């Protein structure tokens, strides 16, 4: 089969490799679409999973079932699916709590083991997520990234009429914005310097969009009666923006740490202020288990608009150009690879 293999940082090779062997409890998925996300860019630049190279990346994929192991039931050949990429031991303390990322045996498809930037990918049957009948395969490749937003929403414990600040309006920030609106947050404020992304945030319903960094403090205070927001979501991965987020939440407010920083980067906050203001900090990074199925339901019922992220498509043969463009061109929100 054809596969895009990352052999070294910033170096892909398009290779003809063996089709993965489908074990008795596995499903072989014929990949149709595979998205490129921020984590993939971290891998591409050598900031993440460097010890796993050479690797076939790709964890935002969708396709149809081409083969099933002998012990697999409840699925069928030709069925449209995606997958929960987080594979744990399924029996430890963390797996039982659906905190699979903390399982000591955890691996992620496309991050630690070969993923969806290939014509076929092997998935354990228990990790297969069927797609709603009305969902296209290009939308299906958005289930995994949306599941990450679903999990962050849960961890935020967002309540009706709470104010939300989304820092960064890339595709992840735009989905944070939409889910906050659907959950009844008010107002929802977005900070984004890029003109096109800021405009999209307005079109998707943001109550306040701030593009001028010098106006952030005043605009946030004006929108929240001077208090600061209840919840700030950092979706960029900048230590400076993490520190800024704590200055923009109210006493008793909380920061959701979502953006991936580079290894070794840290941010500083005042321990005294953190305690006296009774603020909160919660990390969240990946959707898993029910998060995936709930994301599929939300997309199936069109509760989240992913159409703006489905406009830039590259063939898998052009994977190097696709990664380079996504890294450099801020006018591009999202790139999917057409694999089949």
C-alpha atoms as a PDB file:
ATOM      1  CA  UNK A   1       0.000   0.000   0.000  1.00  0.00           C
ATOM      2  CA  UNK A   2       1.001   3.636  -0.426  1.00  0.00           C
ATOM      3  CA  UNK A   3       2.021   5.407   2.791  1.00  0.00           C
ATOM      4  CA  UNK A   4       3.483   8.773   3.794  1.00  0.00           C
ATOM      5  CA  UNK A   5       6.360   7.902   6.110  1.00  0.00           C
ATOM      6  CA  UNK A   6       8.022  10.579   8.223  1.00  0.00           C
ATOM      7  CA  UNK A   7      11.619   9.364   8.302  1.00  0.00           C
ATOM      8  CA  UNK A   8      13.151  12.427   9.994  1.00  0.00           C
ATOM      9  CA  UNK A   9      11.966  15.869  11.065  1.00  0.00           C
ATOM     10  CA  UNK A  10      10.602  17.732   7.998  1.00  0.00           C
ATOM     11  CA  UNK A  11      11.319  14.745   5.760  1.00  0.00           C
ATOM     12  CA  UNK A  12       8.559  12.554   4.321  1.00  0.00           C
ATOM     13  CA  UNK A  13       9.022   9.624   1.979  1.00  0.00           C
ATOM     14  CA  UNK A  14       6.149   8.219  -0.041  1.00  0.00           C
ATOM     15  CA  UNK A  15       6.694   4.478   0.261  1.00  0.00           C
ATOM     16  CA  UNK A  16       5.115   1.240  -0.842  1.00  0.00           C
ATOM     17  CA  UNK A  17       4.787  -0.709   2.422  1.00  0.00           C
ATOM     18  CA  UNK A  18       2.997  -3.939   3.421  1.00  0.00           C
ATOM     19  CA  UNK A  19      -0.687  -3.675   4.302  1.00  0.00           C
ATOM     20  CA  UNK A  20      -1.016  -4.137   8.107  1.00  0.00           C
ATOM     21  CA  UNK A  21      -1.983  -7.643   9.142  1.00  0.00           C
ATOM     22  CA  UNK A  22      -5.517  -7.760  10.561  1.00  0.00           C
ATOM     23  CA  UNK A  23      -5.478  -9.693  13.843  1.00  0.00           C
ATOM     24  CA  UNK A  24      -8.413 -11.674  15.203  1.00  0.00           C
ATOM     25  CA  UNK A  25      -9.654  -8.696  17.223  1.00  0.00           C
ATOM     26  CA  UNK A  26      -8.738  -6.024  14.710  1.00  0.00           C
ATOM     27  CA  UNK A  27     -10.373  -4.107  11.899  1.00  0.00           C
ATOM     28  CA  UNK A  28      -8.558  -2.950   8.778  1.00  0.00           C
ATOM     29  CA  UNK A  29      -9.783   0.482   7.701  1.00  0.00           C
ATOM     30  CA  UNK A  30      -9.418   1.667   4.113  1.00  0.00           C
ATOM     31  CA  UNK A  31      -8.584   5.324   4.694  1.00  0.00           C
ATOM     32  CA  UNK A  32     -10.442   7.994   2.736  1.00  0.00           C
ATOM     33  CA  UNK A  33      -9.455  11.231   4.486  1.00  0.00           C
ATOM     34  CA  UNK A  34      -6.826  12.127   7.068  1.00  0.00           C
ATOM     35  CA  UNK A  35      -6.521  15.552   8.654  1.00  0.00           C
ATOM     36  CA  UNK A  36      -3.318  17.318   9.661  1.00  0.00           C
ATOM     37  CA  UNK A  37      -3.419  18.939  13.092  1.00  0.00           C
ATOM     38  CA  UNK A  38      -1.143  20.833  15.445  1.00  0.00           C
ATOM     39  CA  UNK A  39       0.169  17.637  17.018  1.00  0.00           C
ATOM     40  CA  UNK A  40       1.155  16.397  13.559  1.00  0.00           C
ATOM     41  CA  UNK A  41       3.072  19.633  13.011  1.00  0.00           C
ATOM     42  CA  UNK A  42       4.880  19.099  16.331  1.00  0.00           C
ATOM     43  CA  UNK A  43       5.846  15.604  15.126  1.00  0.00           C
ATOM     44  CA  UNK A  44       6.859  16.968  11.724  1.00  0.00           C
ATOM     45  CA  UNK A  45       9.167  19.556  13.306  1.00  0.00           C
ATOM     46  CA  UNK A  46      10.750  17.006  15.655  1.00  0.00           C
ATOM     47  CA  UNK A  47       9.202  18.385  18.845  1.00  0.00           C
ATOM     48  CA  UNK A  48       7.171  15.276  19.628  1.00  0.00           C
ATOM     49  CA  UNK A  49       7.438  11.493  19.065  1.00  0.00           C
ATOM     50  CA  UNK A  50      10.951  11.884  17.661  1.00  0.00           C
ATOM     51  CA  UNK A  51      11.891   8.491  19.117  1.00  0.00           C
ATOM     52  CA  UNK A  52       9.104   6.847  17.082  1.00  0.00           C
ATOM     53  CA  UNK A  53      10.458   7.742  13.651  1.00  0.00           C
ATOM     54  CA  UNK A  54      10.162   6.409  11.000  1.00  0.00           C
ATOM     55  CA  UNK A  55       6.407   6.711  11.490  1.00  0.00           C
ATOM     56  CA  UNK A  56       3.251   6.881   9.399  1.00  0.00           C
ATOM     57  CA  UNK A  57       1.472   9.807  11.103  1.00  0.00           C
ATOM     58  CA  UNK A  58      -2.227  10.580  11.009  1.00  0.00           C
ATOM     59  CA  UNK A  59      -4.753  10.335  13.814  1.00  0.00           C
ATOM     60  CA  UNK A  60      -7.671  12.321  12.344  1.00  0.00           C
ATOM     61  CA  UNK A  61      -8.780   9.749   9.807  1.00  0.00           C
ATOM     62  CA  UNK A  62     -11.949   8.241   8.426  1.00  0.00           C
ATOM     63  CA  UNK A  63     -12.676   5.466   5.989  1.00  0.00           C
ATOM     64  CA  UNK A  64     -14.516   2.214   5.501  1.00  0.00           C
ATOM     65  CA  UNK A  65     -13.976  -1.240   6.960  1.00  0.00           C
ATOM     66  CA  UNK A  66     -12.089  -3.406   4.470  1.00  0.00           C
ATOM     67  CA  UNK A  67     -11.402  -6.456   6.656  1.00  0.00           C
ATOM     68  CA  UNK A  68     -12.373  -7.753  10.100  1.00  0.00           C
ATOM     69  CA  UNK A  69     -10.754 -10.281  12.417  1.00  0.00           C
ATOM     70  CA  UNK A  70     -12.515 -13.550  13.168  1.00  0.00           C
ATOM     71  CA  UNK A  71     -13.603 -12.491  16.665  1.00  0.00           C
ATOM     72  CA  UNK A  72     -15.039  -9.113  15.633  1.00  0.00           C
ATOM     73  CA  UNK A  73     -18.799  -8.612  15.815  1.00  0.00           C
ATOM     74  CA  UNK A  74     -21.192  -5.686  15.601  1.00  0.00           C
ATOM     75  CA  UNK A  75     -19.431  -4.135  12.612  1.00  0.00           C
ATOM     76  CA  UNK A  76     -19.568  -4.883   8.890  1.00  0.00           C
ATOM     77  CA  UNK A  77     -17.458  -4.627   5.754  1.00  0.00           C
ATOM     78  CA  UNK A  78     -17.928  -1.297   3.996  1.00  0.00           C
ATOM     79  CA  UNK A  79     -19.094   0.495   7.150  1.00  0.00           C
ATOM     80  CA  UNK A  80     -17.995   4.126   7.474  1.00  0.00           C
ATOM     81  CA  UNK A  81     -15.881   4.579  10.598  1.00  0.00           C
ATOM     82  CA  UNK A  82     -13.271   6.547  12.438  1.00  0.00           C
ATOM     83  CA  UNK A  83     -11.356   5.466  15.542  1.00  0.00           C
ATOM     84  CA  UNK A  84     -10.496   6.310  19.119  1.00  0.00           C
ATOM     85  CA  UNK A  85      -6.736   6.560  18.681  1.00  0.00           C
ATOM     86  CA  UNK A  86      -5.910   6.172  22.402  1.00  0.00           C
ATOM     87  CA  UNK A  87      -5.092   2.547  23.113  1.00  0.00           C
ATOM     88  CA  UNK A  88      -4.494   1.508  26.709  1.00  0.00           C
ATOM     89  CA  UNK A  89      -4.363  -1.798  28.549  1.00  0.00           C
ATOM     90  CA  UNK A  90      -8.131  -1.543  29.239  1.00  0.00           C
ATOM     91  CA  UNK A  91      -7.780  -2.898  32.785  1.00  0.00           C
ATOM     92  CA  UNK A  92      -5.656  -0.512  34.880  1.00  0.00           C
ATOM     93  CA  UNK A  93      -6.903   2.226  37.229  1.00  0.00           C
ATOM     94  CA  UNK A  94      -6.643   4.904  34.538  1.00  0.00           C
ATOM     95  CA  UNK A  95      -8.261   2.927  31.733  1.00  0.00           C
ATOM     96  CA  UNK A  96     -11.216   2.091  33.987  1.00  0.00           C
ATOM     97  CA  UNK A  97     -11.679   5.824  34.578  1.00  0.00           C
ATOM     98  CA  UNK A  98     -11.380   6.673  30.859  1.00  0.00           C
ATOM     99  CA  UNK A  99      -8.104   8.477  31.564  1.00  0.00           C
ATOM    100  CA  UNK A 100      -6.295   6.326  29.023  1.00  0.00           C
ATOM    101  CA  UNK A 101      -3.495   8.829  28.400  1.00  0.00           C
ATOM    102  CA  UNK A 102      -2.177   8.047  31.885  1.00  0.00           C
ATOM    103  CA  UNK A 103      -2.054   4.286  31.283  1.00  0.00           C
ATOM    104  CA  UNK A 104       1.586   3.194  31.377  1.00  0.00           C
ATOM    105  CA  UNK A 105       0.990   0.988  28.316  1.00  0.00           C
ATOM    106  CA  UNK A 106      -0.864   3.624  26.290  1.00  0.00           C
ATOM    107  CA  UNK A 107      -0.037   4.212  22.629  1.00  0.00           C
ATOM    108  CA  UNK A 108      -1.790   6.503  20.163  1.00  0.00           C
ATOM    109  CA  UNK A 109      -2.464   5.603  16.549  1.00  0.00           C
ATOM    110  CA  UNK A 110      -0.587   7.997  14.282  1.00  0.00           C
ATOM    111  CA  UNK A 111       1.514   9.367  17.131  1.00  0.00           C
ATOM    112  CA  UNK A 112       3.266   6.350  18.631  1.00  0.00           C
ATOM    113  CA  UNK A 113       2.281   3.653  16.117  1.00  0.00           C
ATOM    114  CA  UNK A 114       1.489   3.876  12.397  1.00  0.00           C
ATOM    115  CA  UNK A 115      -1.600   5.884  11.567  1.00  0.00           C
ATOM    116  CA  UNK A 116      -3.904   7.085   8.844  1.00  0.00           C
ATOM    117  CA  UNK A 117      -1.615   8.703   6.282  1.00  0.00           C
ATOM    118  CA  UNK A 118      -1.683   5.434   4.388  1.00  0.00           C
ATOM    119  CA  UNK A 119      -4.175   3.506   2.307  1.00  0.00           C
ATOM    120  CA  UNK A 120      -4.962   1.196   5.218  1.00  0.00           C
ATOM    121  CA  UNK A 121      -4.680   1.432   9.001  1.00  0.00           C
ATOM    122  CA  UNK A 122      -5.161  -1.319  11.576  1.00  0.00           C
ATOM    123  CA  UNK A 123      -7.467  -0.508  14.497  1.00  0.00           C
ATOM    124  CA  UNK A 124      -8.495  -2.732  17.432  1.00  0.00           C
ATOM    125  CA  UNK A 125     -12.210  -3.392  17.005  1.00  0.00           C
ATOM    126  CA  UNK A 126     -13.031  -1.937  20.425  1.00  0.00           C
ATOM    127  CA  UNK A 127     -11.611   1.425  19.285  1.00  0.00           C
ATOM    128  CA  UNK A 128     -13.681   1.659  16.105  1.00  0.00           C
ATOM    129  CA  UNK A 129     -16.264   4.470  16.113  1.00  0.00           C
ATOM    130  CA  UNK A 130     -19.030   4.045  13.514  1.00  0.00           C
ATOM    131  CA  UNK A 131     -20.070   7.225  11.728  1.00  0.00           C
ATOM    132  CA  UNK A 132     -23.706   8.359  11.506  1.00  0.00           C
ATOM    133  CA  UNK A 133     -25.316   7.429   8.197  1.00  0.00           C
ATOM    134  CA  UNK A 134     -25.707  11.031   7.053  1.00  0.00           C
ATOM    135  CA  UNK A 135     -22.097  11.990   7.773  1.00  0.00           C
ATOM    136  CA  UNK A 136     -19.608  12.311   4.932  1.00  0.00           C
ATOM    137  CA  UNK A 137     -16.165  10.783   5.285  1.00  0.00           C
ATOM    138  CA  UNK A 138     -14.568  14.221   5.144  1.00  0.00           C
ATOM    139  CA  UNK A 139     -16.695  15.219   8.144  1.00  0.00           C
ATOM    140  CA  UNK A 140     -15.835  11.897   9.752  1.00  0.00           C
ATOM    141  CA  UNK A 141     -12.172  12.892   9.834  1.00  0.00           C
ATOM    142  CA  UNK A 142     -13.203  15.792  12.108  1.00  0.00           C
ATOM    143  CA  UNK A 143     -14.667  13.554  14.822  1.00  0.00           C
ATOM    144  CA  UNK A 144     -11.331  13.030  16.574  1.00  0.00           C
ATOM    145  CA  UNK A 145     -10.421  16.732  16.876  1.00  0.00           C
ATOM    146  CA  UNK A 146     -13.963  17.569  18.015  1.00  0.00           C
ATOM    147  CA  UNK A 147     -13.742  14.835  20.652  1.00  0.00           C
ATOM    148  CA  UNK A 148     -10.820  16.729  22.183  1.00  0.00           C
ATOM    149  CA  UNK A 149     -13.080  19.775  22.532  1.00  0.00           C
ATOM    150  CA  UNK A 150     -15.818  17.631  24.073  1.00  0.00           C
ATOM    151  CA  UNK A 151     -13.399  16.389  26.727  1.00  0.00           C
ATOM    152  CA  UNK A 152     -12.133  19.893  27.496  1.00  0.00           C
ATOM    153  CA  UNK A 153     -15.739  21.056  27.825  1.00  0.00           C
ATOM    154  CA  UNK A 154     -16.385  18.344  30.398  1.00  0.00           C
ATOM    155  CA  UNK A 155     -13.282  19.236  32.360  1.00  0.00           C
ATOM    156  CA  UNK A 156     -14.187  22.928  32.318  1.00  0.00           C
ATOM    157  CA  UNK A 157     -17.478  22.174  34.118  1.00  0.00           C
ATOM    158  CA  UNK A 158     -18.974  25.063  32.186  1.00  0.00           C
ATOM    159  CA  UNK A 159     -22.343  26.249  33.448  1.00  0.00           C
ATOM    160  CA  UNK A 160     -25.143  28.201  31.769  1.00  0.00           C
ATOM    161  CA  UNK A 161     -24.440  31.906  31.244  1.00  0.00           C
ATOM    162  CA  UNK A 162     -20.797  31.649  32.283  1.00  0.00           C
ATOM    163  CA  UNK A 163     -18.422  33.817  30.273  1.00  0.00           C
ATOM    164  CA  UNK A 164     -15.767  32.137  28.153  1.00  0.00           C
ATOM    165  CA  UNK A 165     -12.585  33.480  26.608  1.00  0.00           C
ATOM    166  CA  UNK A 166     -11.039  31.481  23.762  1.00  0.00           C
ATOM    167  CA  UNK A 167      -7.411  32.406  23.123  1.00  0.00           C
ATOM    168  CA  UNK A 168      -6.527  31.464  19.564  1.00  0.00           C
ATOM    169  CA  UNK A 169      -8.999  30.881  16.721  1.00  0.00           C
ATOM    170  CA  UNK A 170      -7.434  28.122  14.699  1.00  0.00           C
ATOM    171  CA  UNK A 171      -9.717  25.158  13.961  1.00  0.00           C
ATOM    172  CA  UNK A 172      -9.500  24.008  17.584  1.00  0.00           C
ATOM    173  CA  UNK A 173     -10.327  27.462  18.929  1.00  0.00           C
ATOM    174  CA  UNK A 174     -13.215  27.789  16.477  1.00  0.00           C
ATOM    175  CA  UNK A 175     -14.679  24.522  17.760  1.00  0.00           C
ATOM    176  CA  UNK A 176     -14.181  25.603  21.390  1.00  0.00           C
ATOM    177  CA  UNK A 177     -16.137  28.722  20.454  1.00  0.00           C
ATOM    178  CA  UNK A 178     -18.993  26.792  18.875  1.00  0.00           C
ATOM    179  CA  UNK A 179     -19.366  24.261  21.682  1.00  0.00           C
ATOM    180  CA  UNK A 180     -19.332  27.042  24.301  1.00  0.00           C
ATOM    181  CA  UNK A 181     -22.148  28.781  22.418  1.00  0.00           C
ATOM    182  CA  UNK A 182     -24.157  25.563  22.130  1.00  0.00           C
ATOM    183  CA  UNK A 183     -23.723  24.994  25.874  1.00  0.00           C
ATOM    184  CA  UNK A 184     -25.193  28.396  26.723  1.00  0.00           C
ATOM    185  CA  UNK A 185     -22.048  30.352  27.589  1.00  0.00           C
ATOM    186  CA  UNK A 186     -22.444  34.133  27.514  1.00  0.00           C
ATOM    187  CA  UNK A 187     -20.575  36.133  26.495  1.00  0.00           C
ATOM    188  CA  UNK A 188     -18.097  34.159  24.415  1.00  0.00           C
ATOM    189  CA  UNK A 189     -14.982  36.197  23.640  1.00  0.00           C
ATOM    190  CA  UNK A 190     -12.282  35.266  21.128  1.00  0.00           C
ATOM    191  CA  UNK A 191      -8.752  36.647  20.895  1.00  0.00           C
ATOM    192  CA  UNK A 192      -7.167  36.137  17.475  1.00  0.00           C
ATOM    193  CA  UNK A 193      -4.727  38.456  15.643  1.00  0.00           C
ATOM    194  CA  UNK A 194      -5.189  36.857  12.209  1.00  0.00           C
ATOM    195  CA  UNK A 195      -7.802  38.827  10.265  1.00  0.00           C
ATOM    196  CA  UNK A 196      -9.353  35.876   8.409  1.00  0.00           C
ATOM    197  CA  UNK A 197      -9.600  33.720  11.516  1.00  0.00           C
ATOM    198  CA  UNK A 198     -11.020  36.605  13.542  1.00  0.00           C
ATOM    199  CA  UNK A 199     -13.657  37.164  10.859  1.00  0.00           C
ATOM    200  CA  UNK A 200     -14.632  33.481  10.903  1.00  0.00           C
ATOM    201  CA  UNK A 201     -15.040  33.639  14.685  1.00  0.00           C
ATOM    202  CA  UNK A 202     -17.492  36.516  14.197  1.00  0.00           C
ATOM    203  CA  UNK A 203     -19.383  34.553  11.554  1.00  0.00           C
ATOM    204  CA  UNK A 204     -19.601  31.511  13.831  1.00  0.00           C
ATOM    205  CA  UNK A 205     -21.223  33.590  16.562  1.00  0.00           C
ATOM    206  CA  UNK A 206     -18.572  34.998  18.900  1.00  0.00           C
ATOM    207  CA  UNK A 207     -19.997  37.859  20.949  1.00  0.00           C
ATOM    208  CA  UNK A 208     -16.692  39.732  21.073  1.00  0.00           C
ATOM    209  CA  UNK A 209     -13.647  39.251  18.839  1.00  0.00           C
ATOM    210  CA  UNK A 210     -10.380  40.981  19.742  1.00  0.00           C
ATOM    211  CA  UNK A 211      -7.554  41.225  17.215  1.00  0.00           C
ATOM    212  CA  UNK A 212      -5.490  44.018  18.784  1.00  0.00           C
ATOM    213  CA  UNK A 213      -3.366  42.642  21.654  1.00  0.00           C
ATOM    214  CA  UNK A 214      -3.282  46.054  23.314  1.00  0.00           C
ATOM    215  CA  UNK A 215      -7.089  45.997  23.640  1.00  0.00           C
ATOM    216  CA  UNK A 216      -7.482  42.550  25.219  1.00  0.00           C
ATOM    217  CA  UNK A 217      -7.602  43.584  28.876  1.00  0.00           C
ATOM    218  CA  UNK A 218     -10.022  46.457  28.348  1.00  0.00           C
ATOM    219  CA  UNK A 219     -12.311  44.480  26.046  1.00  0.00           C
ATOM    220  CA  UNK A 220     -12.517  41.483  28.383  1.00  0.00           C
ATOM    221  CA  UNK A 221     -13.262  43.722  31.392  1.00  0.00           C
ATOM    222  CA  UNK A 222     -15.870  45.657  29.427  1.00  0.00           C
ATOM    223  CA  UNK A 223     -17.662  42.454  28.446  1.00  0.00           C
ATOM    224  CA  UNK A 224     -17.690  41.041  31.988  1.00  0.00           C
ATOM    225  CA  UNK A 225     -18.608  44.063  34.163  1.00  0.00           C
ATOM    226  CA  UNK A 226     -14.962  44.462  35.083  1.00  0.00           C
ATOM    227  CA  UNK A 227     -14.593  41.014  36.677  1.00  0.00           C
ATOM    228  CA  UNK A 228     -12.816  38.937  34.060  1.00  0.00           C
ATOM    229  CA  UNK A 229     -14.153  35.744  32.491  1.00  0.00           C
ATOM    230  CA  UNK A 230     -15.330  32.625  34.273  1.00  0.00           C
ATOM    231  CA  UNK A 231     -13.353  30.346  31.949  1.00  0.00           C
ATOM    232  CA  UNK A 232     -10.339  31.042  29.728  1.00  0.00           C
ATOM    233  CA  UNK A 233      -9.280  28.394  27.190  1.00  0.00           C
ATOM    234  CA  UNK A 234      -5.705  28.621  25.923  1.00  0.00           C
ATOM    235  CA  UNK A 235      -5.647  26.841  22.561  1.00  0.00           C
ATOM    236  CA  UNK A 236      -2.342  28.115  21.174  1.00  0.00           C
ATOM    237  CA  UNK A 237       0.362  26.541  23.334  1.00  0.00           C
ATOM    238  CA  UNK A 238       2.226  29.732  24.274  1.00  0.00           C
ATOM    239  CA  UNK A 239       3.687  30.106  27.793  1.00  0.00           C
ATOM    240  CA  UNK A 240       3.137  33.857  27.557  1.00  0.00           C
ATOM    241  CA  UNK A 241      -0.531  33.348  26.683  1.00  0.00           C
ATOM    242  CA  UNK A 242      -0.979  30.903  29.543  1.00  0.00           C
ATOM    243  CA  UNK A 243       0.329  33.551  31.916  1.00  0.00           C
ATOM    244  CA  UNK A 244      -1.924  36.141  30.276  1.00  0.00           C
ATOM    245  CA  UNK A 245      -4.964  33.900  30.699  1.00  0.00           C
ATOM    246  CA  UNK A 246      -4.634  34.038  34.482  1.00  0.00           C
ATOM    247  CA  UNK A 247      -4.853  37.829  34.396  1.00  0.00           C
ATOM    248  CA  UNK A 248      -8.095  37.648  32.410  1.00  0.00           C
ATOM    249  CA  UNK A 249     -10.129  35.292  34.600  1.00  0.00           C
ATOM    250  CA  UNK A 250     -12.152  36.540  37.537  1.00  0.00           C
ATOM    251  CA  UNK A 251     -11.461  35.575  41.160  1.00  0.00           C
ATOM    252  CA  UNK A 252     -12.793  32.025  41.307  1.00  0.00           C
ATOM    253  CA  UNK A 253     -12.352  31.627  37.555  1.00  0.00           C
ATOM    254  CA  UNK A 254     -10.460  28.849  35.839  1.00  0.00           C
ATOM    255  CA  UNK A 255      -8.036  28.290  32.989  1.00  0.00           C
ATOM    256  CA  UNK A 256      -8.323  25.306  30.663  1.00  0.00           C
ATOM    257  CA  UNK A 257      -4.839  24.434  29.435  1.00  0.00           C
ATOM    258  CA  UNK A 258      -5.320  22.968  25.970  1.00  0.00           C
ATOM    259  CA  UNK A 259      -2.617  24.285  23.633  1.00  0.00           C
ATOM    260  CA  UNK A 260       0.518  22.152  23.337  1.00  0.00           C
ATOM    261  CA  UNK A 261       3.715  24.027  24.185  1.00  0.00           C
ATOM    262  CA  UNK A 262       7.151  22.856  23.098  1.00  0.00           C
ATOM    263  CA  UNK A 263       9.018  20.409  25.366  1.00  0.00           C
ATOM    264  CA  UNK A 264      10.731  22.163  28.256  1.00  0.00           C
ATOM    265  CA  UNK A 265       8.651  25.332  28.063  1.00  0.00           C
ATOM    266  CA  UNK A 266       7.077  26.528  31.301  1.00  0.00           C
ATOM    267  CA  UNK A 267       4.858  29.359  32.463  1.00  0.00           C
ATOM    268  CA  UNK A 268       4.797  31.187  35.797  1.00  0.00           C
ATOM    269  CA  UNK A 269       1.894  32.390  37.905  1.00  0.00           C
ATOM    270  CA  UNK A 270       1.743  33.998  41.315  1.00  0.00           C
ATOM    271  CA  UNK A 271       1.186  31.231  43.847  1.00  0.00           C
ATOM    272  CA  UNK A 272      -0.220  33.752  46.325  1.00  0.00           C
ATOM    273  CA  UNK A 273      -2.706  35.223  43.847  1.00  0.00           C
ATOM    274  CA  UNK A 274      -3.677  31.757  42.653  1.00  0.00           C
ATOM    275  CA  UNK A 275      -4.615  30.754  46.216  1.00  0.00           C
ATOM    276  CA  UNK A 276      -6.140  34.039  47.405  1.00  0.00           C
ATOM    277  CA  UNK A 277      -8.222  34.415  44.225  1.00  0.00           C
ATOM    278  CA  UNK A 278      -9.267  30.735  44.416  1.00  0.00           C
ATOM    279  CA  UNK A 279      -8.530  30.218  40.764  1.00  0.00           C
ATOM    280  CA  UNK A 280      -8.450  26.896  38.946  1.00  0.00           C
ATOM    281  CA  UNK A 281      -6.258  25.241  36.318  1.00  0.00           C
ATOM    282  CA  UNK A 282      -7.202  22.133  34.347  1.00  0.00           C
ATOM    283  CA  UNK A 283      -5.273  20.441  31.582  1.00  0.00           C
ATOM    284  CA  UNK A 284      -7.046  18.650  28.739  1.00  0.00           C
ATOM    285  CA  UNK A 285      -5.585  17.346  25.506  1.00  0.00           C
ATOM    286  CA  UNK A 286      -7.292  14.388  23.814  1.00  0.00           C
ATOM    287  CA  UNK A 287     -10.740  12.907  23.418  1.00  0.00           C
ATOM    288  CA  UNK A 288     -11.260   9.235  24.154  1.00  0.00           C
ATOM    289  CA  UNK A 289     -13.982   6.704  24.864  1.00  0.00           C
ATOM    290  CA  UNK A 290     -17.401   8.358  25.041  1.00  0.00           C
ATOM    291  CA  UNK A 291     -15.875  11.686  23.981  1.00  0.00           C
ATOM    292  CA  UNK A 292     -15.474  10.225  20.477  1.00  0.00           C
ATOM    293  CA  UNK A 293     -19.013   8.928  20.268  1.00  0.00           C
ATOM    294  CA  UNK A 294     -20.472  12.164  21.568  1.00  0.00           C
ATOM    295  CA  UNK A 295     -18.427  14.133  19.039  1.00  0.00           C
ATOM    296  CA  UNK A 296     -19.788  11.906  16.271  1.00  0.00           C
ATOM    297  CA  UNK A 297     -23.329  12.561  17.508  1.00  0.00           C
ATOM    298  CA  UNK A 298     -22.776  16.328  17.591  1.00  0.00           C
ATOM    299  CA  UNK A 299     -21.421  16.307  14.049  1.00  0.00           C
ATOM    300  CA  UNK A 300     -24.142  13.960  12.846  1.00  0.00           C
ATOM    301  CA  UNK A 301     -26.788  16.422  14.052  1.00  0.00           C
ATOM    302  CA  UNK A 302     -24.874  19.435  12.658  1.00  0.00           C
ATOM    303  CA  UNK A 303     -24.438  21.044  16.070  1.00  0.00           C
ATOM    304  CA  UNK A 304     -20.891  22.028  15.111  1.00  0.00           C
ATOM    305  CA  UNK A 305     -20.072  23.554  11.734  1.00  0.00           C
ATOM    306  CA  UNK A 306     -16.887  22.008  10.346  1.00  0.00           C
ATOM    307  CA  UNK A 307     -17.401  23.155   6.754  1.00  0.00           C
ATOM    308  CA  UNK A 308     -14.776  25.950   7.121  1.00  0.00           C
ATOM    309  CA  UNK A 309     -12.150  23.282   7.839  1.00  0.00           C
ATOM    310  CA  UNK A 310     -12.873  21.150   4.780  1.00  0.00           C
ATOM    311  CA  UNK A 311     -11.876  23.511   1.991  1.00  0.00           C
ATOM    312  CA  UNK A 312      -8.184  22.699   1.528  1.00  0.00           C
ATOM    313  CA  UNK A 313      -7.480  19.173   0.303  1.00  0.00           C
ATOM    314  CA  UNK A 314      -4.165  17.675  -0.858  1.00  0.00           C
ATOM    315  CA  UNK A 315      -3.466  14.280  -2.340  1.00  0.00           C
ATOM    316  CA  UNK A 316      -1.323  12.063  -0.149  1.00  0.00           C
ATOM    317  CA  UNK A 317       1.385  12.298  -2.828  1.00  0.00           C
ATOM    318  CA  UNK A 318       1.725  15.988  -1.902  1.00  0.00           C
ATOM    319  CA  UNK A 319       2.023  15.395   1.831  1.00  0.00           C
ATOM    320  CA  UNK A 320       5.300  17.349   2.123  1.00  0.00           C
ATOM    321  CA  UNK A 321       3.740  20.421   0.516  1.00  0.00           C
ATOM    322  CA  UNK A 322       0.631  20.058   2.665  1.00  0.00           C
ATOM    323  CA  UNK A 323       2.631  20.104   5.901  1.00  0.00           C
ATOM    324  CA  UNK A 324       4.823  22.975   4.754  1.00  0.00           C
ATOM    325  CA  UNK A 325       1.827  25.068   3.763  1.00  0.00           C
ATOM    326  CA  UNK A 326      -0.072  24.444   7.003  1.00  0.00           C
ATOM    327  CA  UNK A 327       2.997  25.407   9.007  1.00  0.00           C
ATOM    328  CA  UNK A 328       3.595  28.630   7.091  1.00  0.00           C
ATOM    329  CA  UNK A 329       0.281  29.893   5.708  1.00  0.00           C
ATOM    330  CA  UNK A 330      -1.965  31.287   8.456  1.00  0.00           C
ATOM    331  CA  UNK A 331      -4.764  31.837   5.942  1.00  0.00           C
ATOM    332  CA  UNK A 332      -5.236  28.053   5.900  1.00  0.00           C
ATOM    333  CA  UNK A 333      -7.272  26.737   8.839  1.00  0.00           C
ATOM    334  CA  UNK A 334      -7.076  23.037   8.139  1.00  0.00           C
ATOM    335  CA  UNK A 335      -5.705  20.612   5.569  1.00  0.00           C
ATOM    336  CA  UNK A 336      -7.001  17.133   4.890  1.00  0.00           C
ATOM    337  CA  UNK A 337      -5.207  14.531   2.823  1.00  0.00           C
ATOM    338  CA  UNK A 338      -7.223  12.597   0.246  1.00  0.00           C
ATOM    339  CA  UNK A 339      -5.838   9.111   0.692  1.00  0.00           C
ATOM    340  CA  UNK A 340      -8.165   6.725  -1.173  1.00  0.00           C
END
